Amino acid sequence: MLPITPGMMTPLAFKKGLIIGIANDSSIAWGCASAFRRFGADLAVTYLNEKAKPHVEPLAEQLGAELLLPCDVREEGQLESVFETIKQRWGRLDFVLHSIAFAPREDLHGRLTDSSRDGFSMAMDVSCHSFIRTCRLAEPLMQDGGSIFAMSYYGAEKVVEHYNLMGPVKAALESCVRYLAFELGGKGIRLHAISPGPIKTRASSGIDRFDELLDKAAERAPMQRLVSIEDVGQATALLATDAAKLITGETLYVDGGLHILG
């Protein structure tokens, strides 16, 4: 279990958070979960299916996660079951990290022009509409306000070669963040899209010629280095604290300044 030691900064002490999307210890969701835990939060963690569970369970144990729950948003009722379990166990929720996305390989590697209806619909459902559903389910558990995070990428704003179908999908996700921030702000619920620079994860390995994208990012970024999952985690955890209680609807770039170059 990640230790919380005397004197450590714990601005999320007594806060309860849900992490959706840890696949392994290279996941951005793992970097975020580790930061939330170091800040003192208690966590619930999901895993995709039984095949994924052996990779996620040891990480959940390191986090001291109180709940480890299956969650494939494509399966009817699984997301709802996660929130119902949290309601029964905790009765409330202070933050949620939504870090999942999916598109069929043939649609992801092909031109947007050639994307299939089913592939595009699946990408939108898993990557975008499941976030809307997550917010709807989290809302009644955030009686004292809270924060909800989605993972995006710069390809939502500008064309990034080989990002293809996921560009429009992430653009829709960022727009949803803004609209949901407007709708839920009166209840003290804040929403943000986190937009990391390129990071080598299992999900990103599905993007065609991703290694080239990494090399170009390291070369061009003003900070002259790639970001890590730890960098993304710390920035996200800071936004979950009360210090950021009047910041909402933002897309936060954690990319060494790469996005300013256009």
C-alpha atoms as a PDB file:
ATOM      1  CA  MET A   1       0.000   0.000   0.000  1.00  0.00           C
ATOM      2  CA  LEU A   2       1.299   3.457  -0.855  1.00  0.00           C
ATOM      3  CA  PRO A   3       2.172   4.952   2.522  1.00  0.00           C
ATOM      4  CA  ILE A   4       0.793   8.135   3.998  1.00  0.00           C
ATOM      5  CA  THR A   5       3.399   9.338   6.454  1.00  0.00           C
ATOM      6  CA  PRO A   6       3.177  11.971   9.216  1.00  0.00           C
ATOM      7  CA  GLY A   7       3.843  15.434   7.855  1.00  0.00           C
ATOM      8  CA  MET A   8       2.954  14.441   4.297  1.00  0.00           C
ATOM      9  CA  MET A   9       0.718  16.880   2.429  1.00  0.00           C
ATOM     10  CA  THR A  10      -2.742  15.307   2.449  1.00  0.00           C
ATOM     11  CA  PRO A  11      -5.168  17.828   0.916  1.00  0.00           C
ATOM     12  CA  LEU A  12      -7.487  14.992  -0.114  1.00  0.00           C
ATOM     13  CA  ALA A  13      -7.637  13.354   3.314  1.00  0.00           C
ATOM     14  CA  PHE A  14     -11.071  11.812   3.983  1.00  0.00           C
ATOM     15  CA  LYS A  15     -12.035  12.261   0.315  1.00  0.00           C
ATOM     16  CA  LYS A  16     -13.483   9.315  -1.610  1.00  0.00           C
ATOM     17  CA  GLY A  17     -12.603   8.807  -5.259  1.00  0.00           C
ATOM     18  CA  LEU A  18     -13.381   6.421  -8.100  1.00  0.00           C
ATOM     19  CA  ILE A  19     -10.724   5.497 -10.678  1.00  0.00           C
ATOM     20  CA  ILE A  20     -11.976   4.080 -13.977  1.00  0.00           C
ATOM     21  CA  GLY A  21      -9.359   2.940 -16.459  1.00  0.00           C
ATOM     22  CA  ILE A  22      -6.288   1.398 -14.804  1.00  0.00           C
ATOM     23  CA  ALA A  23      -4.967  -1.315 -17.137  1.00  0.00           C
ATOM     24  CA  ASN A  24      -1.434  -1.706 -15.759  1.00  0.00           C
ATOM     25  CA  ASP A  25       1.331   0.283 -14.081  1.00  0.00           C
ATOM     26  CA  SER A  26       1.968   2.252 -17.283  1.00  0.00           C
ATOM     27  CA  SER A  27      -1.584   3.613 -17.393  1.00  0.00           C
ATOM     28  CA  ILE A  28      -2.218   7.317 -17.002  1.00  0.00           C
ATOM     29  CA  ALA A  29      -5.014   6.287 -14.639  1.00  0.00           C
ATOM     30  CA  TRP A  30      -2.417   4.573 -12.434  1.00  0.00           C
ATOM     31  CA  GLY A  31      -0.312   7.747 -12.311  1.00  0.00           C
ATOM     32  CA  CYS A  32      -3.399   9.694 -11.268  1.00  0.00           C
ATOM     33  CA  ALA A  33      -4.556   7.114  -8.731  1.00  0.00           C
ATOM     34  CA  SER A  34      -1.113   7.095  -7.102  1.00  0.00           C
ATOM     35  CA  ALA A  35      -1.170  10.876  -6.791  1.00  0.00           C
ATOM     36  CA  PHE A  36      -4.693  10.902  -5.352  1.00  0.00           C
ATOM     37  CA  ARG A  37      -3.594   8.325  -2.789  1.00  0.00           C
ATOM     38  CA  ARG A  38      -0.449  10.260  -1.853  1.00  0.00           C
ATOM     39  CA  PHE A  39      -2.726  13.254  -1.278  1.00  0.00           C
ATOM     40  CA  GLY A  40      -4.657  11.175   1.249  1.00  0.00           C
ATOM     41  CA  ALA A  41      -7.732  10.018  -0.674  1.00  0.00           C
ATOM     42  CA  ASP A  42      -9.512   6.676  -0.261  1.00  0.00           C
ATOM     43  CA  LEU A  43     -10.053   4.986  -3.604  1.00  0.00           C
ATOM     44  CA  ALA A  44     -12.314   2.594  -5.458  1.00  0.00           C
ATOM     45  CA  VAL A  45     -10.787   1.037  -8.576  1.00  0.00           C
ATOM     46  CA  THR A  46     -12.356  -0.713 -11.555  1.00  0.00           C
ATOM     47  CA  TYR A  47     -10.991  -3.354 -13.917  1.00  0.00           C
ATOM     48  CA  LEU A  48     -12.247  -4.113 -17.418  1.00  0.00           C
ATOM     49  CA  ASN A  49     -12.799  -7.883 -17.212  1.00  0.00           C
ATOM     50  CA  GLU A  50     -11.432 -11.110 -15.734  1.00  0.00           C
ATOM     51  CA  LYS A  51      -8.507 -11.070 -18.152  1.00  0.00           C
ATOM     52  CA  ALA A  52      -7.513  -7.615 -16.919  1.00  0.00           C
ATOM     53  CA  LYS A  53      -8.096  -8.293 -13.220  1.00  0.00           C
ATOM     54  CA  PRO A  54      -4.703  -9.968 -12.482  1.00  0.00           C
ATOM     55  CA  HIS A  55      -2.951  -6.841 -13.797  1.00  0.00           C
ATOM     56  CA  VAL A  56      -5.119  -4.391 -11.854  1.00  0.00           C
ATOM     57  CA  GLU A  57      -5.654  -6.201  -8.563  1.00  0.00           C
ATOM     58  CA  PRO A  58      -2.030  -5.884  -7.296  1.00  0.00           C
ATOM     59  CA  LEU A  59      -2.122  -2.165  -8.105  1.00  0.00           C
ATOM     60  CA  ALA A  60      -5.404  -1.747  -6.243  1.00  0.00           C
ATOM     61  CA  GLU A  61      -3.766  -3.462  -3.264  1.00  0.00           C
ATOM     62  CA  GLN A  62      -0.842  -1.026  -3.427  1.00  0.00           C
ATOM     63  CA  LEU A  63      -3.335   1.820  -3.299  1.00  0.00           C
ATOM     64  CA  GLY A  64      -5.155   0.272  -0.372  1.00  0.00           C
ATOM     65  CA  ALA A  65      -8.291   0.519  -2.510  1.00  0.00           C
ATOM     66  CA  GLU A  66     -11.407  -0.253  -0.492  1.00  0.00           C
ATOM     67  CA  LEU A  67     -13.282  -1.445  -3.570  1.00  0.00           C
ATOM     68  CA  LEU A  68     -12.174  -3.323  -6.699  1.00  0.00           C
ATOM     69  CA  LEU A  69     -15.054  -3.640  -9.135  1.00  0.00           C
ATOM     70  CA  PRO A  70     -15.575  -4.904 -12.692  1.00  0.00           C
ATOM     71  CA  CYS A  71     -16.565  -2.233 -15.184  1.00  0.00           C
ATOM     72  CA  ASP A  72     -16.900  -2.643 -18.925  1.00  0.00           C
ATOM     73  CA  VAL A  73     -19.032   0.303 -20.010  1.00  0.00           C
ATOM     74  CA  ARG A  74     -20.151  -1.712 -23.051  1.00  0.00           C
ATOM     75  CA  GLU A  75     -21.850  -4.225 -20.770  1.00  0.00           C
ATOM     76  CA  GLU A  76     -25.353  -3.257 -19.696  1.00  0.00           C
ATOM     77  CA  GLY A  77     -25.576  -2.326 -16.037  1.00  0.00           C
ATOM     78  CA  GLN A  78     -21.900  -2.651 -15.074  1.00  0.00           C
ATOM     79  CA  LEU A  79     -21.239   1.080 -14.701  1.00  0.00           C
ATOM     80  CA  GLU A  80     -24.472   1.470 -12.749  1.00  0.00           C
ATOM     81  CA  SER A  81     -23.456  -1.408 -10.487  1.00  0.00           C
ATOM     82  CA  VAL A  82     -20.160   0.321  -9.658  1.00  0.00           C
ATOM     83  CA  PHE A  83     -21.964   3.429  -8.463  1.00  0.00           C
ATOM     84  CA  GLU A  84     -24.566   1.452  -6.573  1.00  0.00           C
ATOM     85  CA  THR A  85     -21.801  -0.381  -4.685  1.00  0.00           C
ATOM     86  CA  ILE A  86     -20.125   2.929  -3.846  1.00  0.00           C
ATOM     87  CA  LYS A  87     -23.457   4.297  -2.652  1.00  0.00           C
ATOM     88  CA  GLN A  88     -23.946   1.301  -0.370  1.00  0.00           C
ATOM     89  CA  ARG A  89     -20.374   1.337   0.984  1.00  0.00           C
ATOM     90  CA  TRP A  90     -19.572   5.047   1.189  1.00  0.00           C
ATOM     91  CA  GLY A  91     -22.819   6.912   0.579  1.00  0.00           C
ATOM     92  CA  ARG A  92     -20.920   9.677  -1.195  1.00  0.00           C
ATOM     93  CA  LEU A  93     -18.185  10.433  -3.710  1.00  0.00           C
ATOM     94  CA  ASP A  94     -15.777  13.359  -3.981  1.00  0.00           C
ATOM     95  CA  PHE A  95     -14.061  12.792  -7.312  1.00  0.00           C
ATOM     96  CA  VAL A  96     -14.056  10.507 -10.346  1.00  0.00           C
ATOM     97  CA  LEU A  97     -11.373   9.869 -12.941  1.00  0.00           C
ATOM     98  CA  HIS A  98     -12.681   8.593 -16.300  1.00  0.00           C
ATOM     99  CA  SER A  99      -9.686   7.351 -18.284  1.00  0.00           C
ATOM    100  CA  ILE A 100     -11.064   4.982 -20.895  1.00  0.00           C
ATOM    101  CA  ALA A 101     -11.298   5.080 -24.671  1.00  0.00           C
ATOM    102  CA  PHE A 102     -11.704   2.516 -27.420  1.00  0.00           C
ATOM    103  CA  ALA A 103     -12.026   2.234 -31.173  1.00  0.00           C
ATOM    104  CA  PRO A 104     -11.819  -0.866 -33.365  1.00  0.00           C
ATOM    105  CA  ARG A 105      -8.313  -1.222 -34.774  1.00  0.00           C
ATOM    106  CA  GLU A 106      -9.388  -1.046 -38.423  1.00  0.00           C
ATOM    107  CA  ASP A 107     -11.206   2.242 -37.787  1.00  0.00           C
ATOM    108  CA  LEU A 108      -8.411   3.662 -35.659  1.00  0.00           C
ATOM    109  CA  HIS A 109      -5.755   2.941 -38.294  1.00  0.00           C
ATOM    110  CA  GLY A 110      -7.804   3.999 -41.285  1.00  0.00           C
ATOM    111  CA  ARG A 111      -8.826   7.421 -42.525  1.00  0.00           C
ATOM    112  CA  LEU A 112     -11.688   9.166 -40.759  1.00  0.00           C
ATOM    113  CA  THR A 113     -13.245   9.348 -44.217  1.00  0.00           C
ATOM    114  CA  ASP A 114     -13.406   5.560 -44.308  1.00  0.00           C
ATOM    115  CA  SER A 115     -14.501   4.906 -40.724  1.00  0.00           C
ATOM    116  CA  SER A 116     -17.402   2.530 -40.282  1.00  0.00           C
ATOM    117  CA  ARG A 117     -20.653   3.558 -38.666  1.00  0.00           C
ATOM    118  CA  ASP A 118     -20.311   0.849 -36.033  1.00  0.00           C
ATOM    119  CA  GLY A 119     -16.674   1.720 -35.290  1.00  0.00           C
ATOM    120  CA  PHE A 120     -17.391   5.420 -34.950  1.00  0.00           C
ATOM    121  CA  SER A 121     -20.441   4.747 -32.779  1.00  0.00           C
ATOM    122  CA  MET A 122     -18.470   2.423 -30.516  1.00  0.00           C
ATOM    123  CA  ALA A 123     -15.652   4.945 -30.114  1.00  0.00           C
ATOM    124  CA  MET A 124     -18.138   7.678 -29.232  1.00  0.00           C
ATOM    125  CA  ASP A 125     -20.019   5.447 -26.802  1.00  0.00           C
ATOM    126  CA  VAL A 126     -16.992   4.159 -24.885  1.00  0.00           C
ATOM    127  CA  SER A 127     -14.879   7.294 -24.989  1.00  0.00           C
ATOM    128  CA  CYS A 128     -17.527  10.005 -24.732  1.00  0.00           C
ATOM    129  CA  HIS A 129     -21.060   8.930 -23.826  1.00  0.00           C
ATOM    130  CA  SER A 130     -19.828   6.711 -20.993  1.00  0.00           C
ATOM    131  CA  PHE A 131     -18.365   9.899 -19.498  1.00  0.00           C
ATOM    132  CA  ILE A 132     -21.788  11.538 -19.616  1.00  0.00           C
ATOM    133  CA  ARG A 133     -23.284   8.477 -17.929  1.00  0.00           C
ATOM    134  CA  THR A 134     -20.530   8.591 -15.314  1.00  0.00           C
ATOM    135  CA  CYS A 135     -21.387  12.194 -14.487  1.00  0.00           C
ATOM    136  CA  ARG A 136     -25.102  11.391 -14.254  1.00  0.00           C
ATOM    137  CA  LEU A 137     -24.400   8.551 -11.810  1.00  0.00           C
ATOM    138  CA  ALA A 138     -21.895  10.571  -9.785  1.00  0.00           C
ATOM    139  CA  GLU A 139     -24.146  13.625  -9.403  1.00  0.00           C
ATOM    140  CA  PRO A 140     -26.396  12.307  -6.594  1.00  0.00           C
ATOM    141  CA  LEU A 141     -23.347  11.079  -4.659  1.00  0.00           C
ATOM    142  CA  MET A 142     -21.703  14.517  -4.743  1.00  0.00           C
ATOM    143  CA  GLN A 143     -24.046  16.337  -2.371  1.00  0.00           C
ATOM    144  CA  ASP A 144     -21.174  18.501  -1.126  1.00  0.00           C
ATOM    145  CA  GLY A 145     -19.686  19.055  -4.561  1.00  0.00           C
ATOM    146  CA  GLY A 146     -16.818  17.237  -6.202  1.00  0.00           C
ATOM    147  CA  SER A 147     -14.692  16.950  -9.310  1.00  0.00           C
ATOM    148  CA  ILE A 148     -14.832  14.724 -12.386  1.00  0.00           C
ATOM    149  CA  PHE A 149     -11.990  14.271 -14.864  1.00  0.00           C
ATOM    150  CA  ALA A 150     -11.850  12.971 -18.428  1.00  0.00           C
ATOM    151  CA  MET A 151      -8.704  12.133 -20.381  1.00  0.00           C
ATOM    152  CA  SER A 152      -8.291  13.892 -23.716  1.00  0.00           C
ATOM    153  CA  TYR A 153      -5.469  14.677 -26.159  1.00  0.00           C
ATOM    154  CA  TYR A 154      -4.342  17.590 -28.343  1.00  0.00           C
ATOM    155  CA  GLY A 155      -5.736  15.798 -31.404  1.00  0.00           C
ATOM    156  CA  ALA A 156      -9.134  17.041 -30.208  1.00  0.00           C
ATOM    157  CA  GLU A 157      -8.125  20.592 -31.080  1.00  0.00           C
ATOM    158  CA  LYS A 158      -5.737  20.282 -34.038  1.00  0.00           C
ATOM    159  CA  VAL A 159      -5.097  17.599 -36.607  1.00  0.00           C
ATOM    160  CA  VAL A 160      -2.472  15.125 -35.388  1.00  0.00           C
ATOM    161  CA  GLU A 161      -1.311  12.684 -38.030  1.00  0.00           C
ATOM    162  CA  HIS A 162      -2.432   9.101 -37.430  1.00  0.00           C
ATOM    163  CA  TYR A 163      -4.789  10.072 -34.586  1.00  0.00           C
ATOM    164  CA  ASN A 164      -7.600   9.728 -37.118  1.00  0.00           C
ATOM    165  CA  LEU A 165     -11.047   8.831 -35.752  1.00  0.00           C
ATOM    166  CA  MET A 166     -10.104   9.631 -32.150  1.00  0.00           C
ATOM    167  CA  GLY A 167      -9.653  13.337 -32.942  1.00  0.00           C
ATOM    168  CA  PRO A 168     -13.374  14.054 -33.443  1.00  0.00           C
ATOM    169  CA  VAL A 169     -14.236  11.723 -30.564  1.00  0.00           C
ATOM    170  CA  LYS A 170     -11.978  13.596 -28.130  1.00  0.00           C
ATOM    171  CA  ALA A 171     -13.283  16.926 -29.475  1.00  0.00           C
ATOM    172  CA  ALA A 172     -16.778  15.772 -28.547  1.00  0.00           C
ATOM    173  CA  LEU A 173     -15.519  14.710 -25.127  1.00  0.00           C
ATOM    174  CA  GLU A 174     -13.992  18.140 -24.429  1.00  0.00           C
ATOM    175  CA  SER A 175     -17.234  19.825 -25.496  1.00  0.00           C
ATOM    176  CA  CYS A 176     -19.169  17.538 -23.156  1.00  0.00           C
ATOM    177  CA  VAL A 177     -16.866  18.577 -20.307  1.00  0.00           C
ATOM    178  CA  ARG A 178     -17.748  22.226 -20.877  1.00  0.00           C
ATOM    179  CA  TYR A 179     -21.506  21.630 -21.094  1.00  0.00           C
ATOM    180  CA  LEU A 180     -21.513  19.350 -18.065  1.00  0.00           C
ATOM    181  CA  ALA A 181     -19.455  21.883 -16.109  1.00  0.00           C
ATOM    182  CA  PHE A 182     -22.168  24.429 -16.880  1.00  0.00           C
ATOM    183  CA  GLU A 183     -25.006  22.097 -15.900  1.00  0.00           C
ATOM    184  CA  LEU A 184     -23.468  20.763 -12.688  1.00  0.00           C
ATOM    185  CA  GLY A 185     -21.606  23.841 -11.483  1.00  0.00           C
ATOM    186  CA  GLY A 186     -24.509  25.012  -9.335  1.00  0.00           C
ATOM    187  CA  LYS A 187     -24.079  21.865  -7.251  1.00  0.00           C
ATOM    188  CA  GLY A 188     -20.393  22.528  -6.706  1.00  0.00           C
ATOM    189  CA  ILE A 189     -19.370  19.783  -9.150  1.00  0.00           C
ATOM    190  CA  ARG A 190     -16.364  20.719 -11.257  1.00  0.00           C
ATOM    191  CA  LEU A 191     -15.311  19.051 -14.502  1.00  0.00           C
ATOM    192  CA  HIS A 192     -12.063  19.082 -16.424  1.00  0.00           C
ATOM    193  CA  ALA A 193     -10.534  17.475 -19.474  1.00  0.00           C
ATOM    194  CA  ILE A 194      -6.901  16.539 -18.873  1.00  0.00           C
ATOM    195  CA  SER A 195      -4.823  16.643 -22.047  1.00  0.00           C
ATOM    196  CA  PRO A 196      -1.446  14.963 -21.577  1.00  0.00           C
ATOM    197  CA  GLY A 197       1.339  15.001 -24.116  1.00  0.00           C
ATOM    198  CA  PRO A 198       2.123  11.672 -25.797  1.00  0.00           C
ATOM    199  CA  ILE A 199       2.833   8.911 -23.268  1.00  0.00           C
ATOM    200  CA  LYS A 200       3.614   5.298 -24.097  1.00  0.00           C
ATOM    201  CA  THR A 201       0.708   3.308 -22.660  1.00  0.00           C
ATOM    202  CA  ARG A 202      -1.087   0.163 -23.775  1.00  0.00           C
ATOM    203  CA  ALA A 203      -3.891   2.281 -25.219  1.00  0.00           C
ATOM    204  CA  SER A 204      -1.558   4.587 -27.161  1.00  0.00           C
ATOM    205  CA  SER A 205       0.271   1.606 -28.667  1.00  0.00           C
ATOM    206  CA  GLY A 206      -2.806   1.086 -30.835  1.00  0.00           C
ATOM    207  CA  ILE A 207      -2.176   4.388 -32.638  1.00  0.00           C
ATOM    208  CA  ASP A 208      -0.330   3.918 -35.906  1.00  0.00           C
ATOM    209  CA  ARG A 209       3.325   5.113 -35.868  1.00  0.00           C
ATOM    210  CA  PHE A 210       3.029   6.296 -32.275  1.00  0.00           C
ATOM    211  CA  ASP A 211       6.786   6.100 -31.704  1.00  0.00           C
ATOM    212  CA  GLU A 212       7.226   8.844 -34.298  1.00  0.00           C
ATOM    213  CA  LEU A 213       4.737  10.982 -32.381  1.00  0.00           C
ATOM    214  CA  LEU A 214       6.755  10.501 -29.190  1.00  0.00           C
ATOM    215  CA  ASP A 215      10.004  11.469 -30.880  1.00  0.00           C
ATOM    216  CA  LYS A 216       8.512  14.612 -32.402  1.00  0.00           C
ATOM    217  CA  ALA A 217       6.931  15.642 -29.099  1.00  0.00           C
ATOM    218  CA  ALA A 218      10.208  15.323 -27.190  1.00  0.00           C
ATOM    219  CA  GLU A 219      11.965  17.322 -29.880  1.00  0.00           C
ATOM    220  CA  ARG A 220       9.436  20.153 -30.162  1.00  0.00           C
ATOM    221  CA  ALA A 221       8.100  20.672 -26.625  1.00  0.00           C
ATOM    222  CA  PRO A 222       9.369  23.901 -25.011  1.00  0.00           C
ATOM    223  CA  MET A 223      10.285  21.924 -21.874  1.00  0.00           C
ATOM    224  CA  GLN A 224      12.253  19.574 -24.160  1.00  0.00           C
ATOM    225  CA  ARG A 225      11.063  16.355 -22.615  1.00  0.00           C
ATOM    226  CA  LEU A 226       8.138  13.992 -22.588  1.00  0.00           C
ATOM    227  CA  VAL A 227       5.697  14.024 -19.715  1.00  0.00           C
ATOM    228  CA  SER A 228       5.202  11.013 -17.455  1.00  0.00           C
ATOM    229  CA  ILE A 229       2.136   9.452 -15.888  1.00  0.00           C
ATOM    230  CA  GLU A 230       3.383  10.904 -12.581  1.00  0.00           C
ATOM    231  CA  ASP A 231       3.359  14.424 -14.065  1.00  0.00           C
ATOM    232  CA  VAL A 232      -0.216  13.975 -15.223  1.00  0.00           C
ATOM    233  CA  GLY A 233      -1.246  12.450 -11.901  1.00  0.00           C
ATOM    234  CA  GLN A 234       0.073  15.287  -9.765  1.00  0.00           C
ATOM    235  CA  ALA A 235      -1.562  17.961 -11.928  1.00  0.00           C
ATOM    236  CA  THR A 236      -4.893  16.138 -11.860  1.00  0.00           C
ATOM    237  CA  ALA A 237      -4.762  15.574  -8.100  1.00  0.00           C
ATOM    238  CA  LEU A 238      -4.153  19.289  -7.537  1.00  0.00           C
ATOM    239  CA  LEU A 239      -7.348  20.092  -9.443  1.00  0.00           C
ATOM    240  CA  ALA A 240      -9.277  17.768  -7.127  1.00  0.00           C
ATOM    241  CA  THR A 241      -8.286  19.764  -4.039  1.00  0.00           C
ATOM    242  CA  ASP A 242     -10.209  22.678  -2.523  1.00  0.00           C
ATOM    243  CA  ALA A 243      -7.510  25.004  -3.813  1.00  0.00           C
ATOM    244  CA  ALA A 244      -9.129  24.582  -7.241  1.00  0.00           C
ATOM    245  CA  LYS A 245     -12.744  24.754  -6.084  1.00  0.00           C
ATOM    246  CA  LEU A 246     -13.622  27.665  -8.396  1.00  0.00           C
ATOM    247  CA  ILE A 247     -11.880  26.276 -11.484  1.00  0.00           C
ATOM    248  CA  THR A 248     -14.104  24.294 -13.835  1.00  0.00           C
ATOM    249  CA  GLY A 249     -14.716  23.486 -17.483  1.00  0.00           C
ATOM    250  CA  GLU A 250     -11.037  23.623 -18.391  1.00  0.00           C
ATOM    251  CA  THR A 251      -8.860  21.558 -20.685  1.00  0.00           C
ATOM    252  CA  LEU A 252      -5.592  21.261 -18.775  1.00  0.00           C
ATOM    253  CA  TYR A 253      -2.580  20.585 -20.975  1.00  0.00           C
ATOM    254  CA  VAL A 254       0.140  18.574 -19.265  1.00  0.00           C
ATOM    255  CA  ASP A 255       2.484  18.373 -22.231  1.00  0.00           C
ATOM    256  CA  GLY A 256       5.601  20.421 -21.543  1.00  0.00           C
ATOM    257  CA  GLY A 257       4.065  23.302 -23.500  1.00  0.00           C
ATOM    258  CA  LEU A 258       3.756  21.349 -26.745  1.00  0.00           C
ATOM    259  CA  HIS A 259       0.230  22.641 -27.425  1.00  0.00           C
ATOM    260  CA  ILE A 260       1.342  26.284 -27.675  1.00  0.00           C
ATOM    261  CA  LEU A 261       3.243  25.544 -30.866  1.00  0.00           C
ATOM    262  CA  GLY A 262       0.111  24.758 -32.897  1.00  0.00           C
END
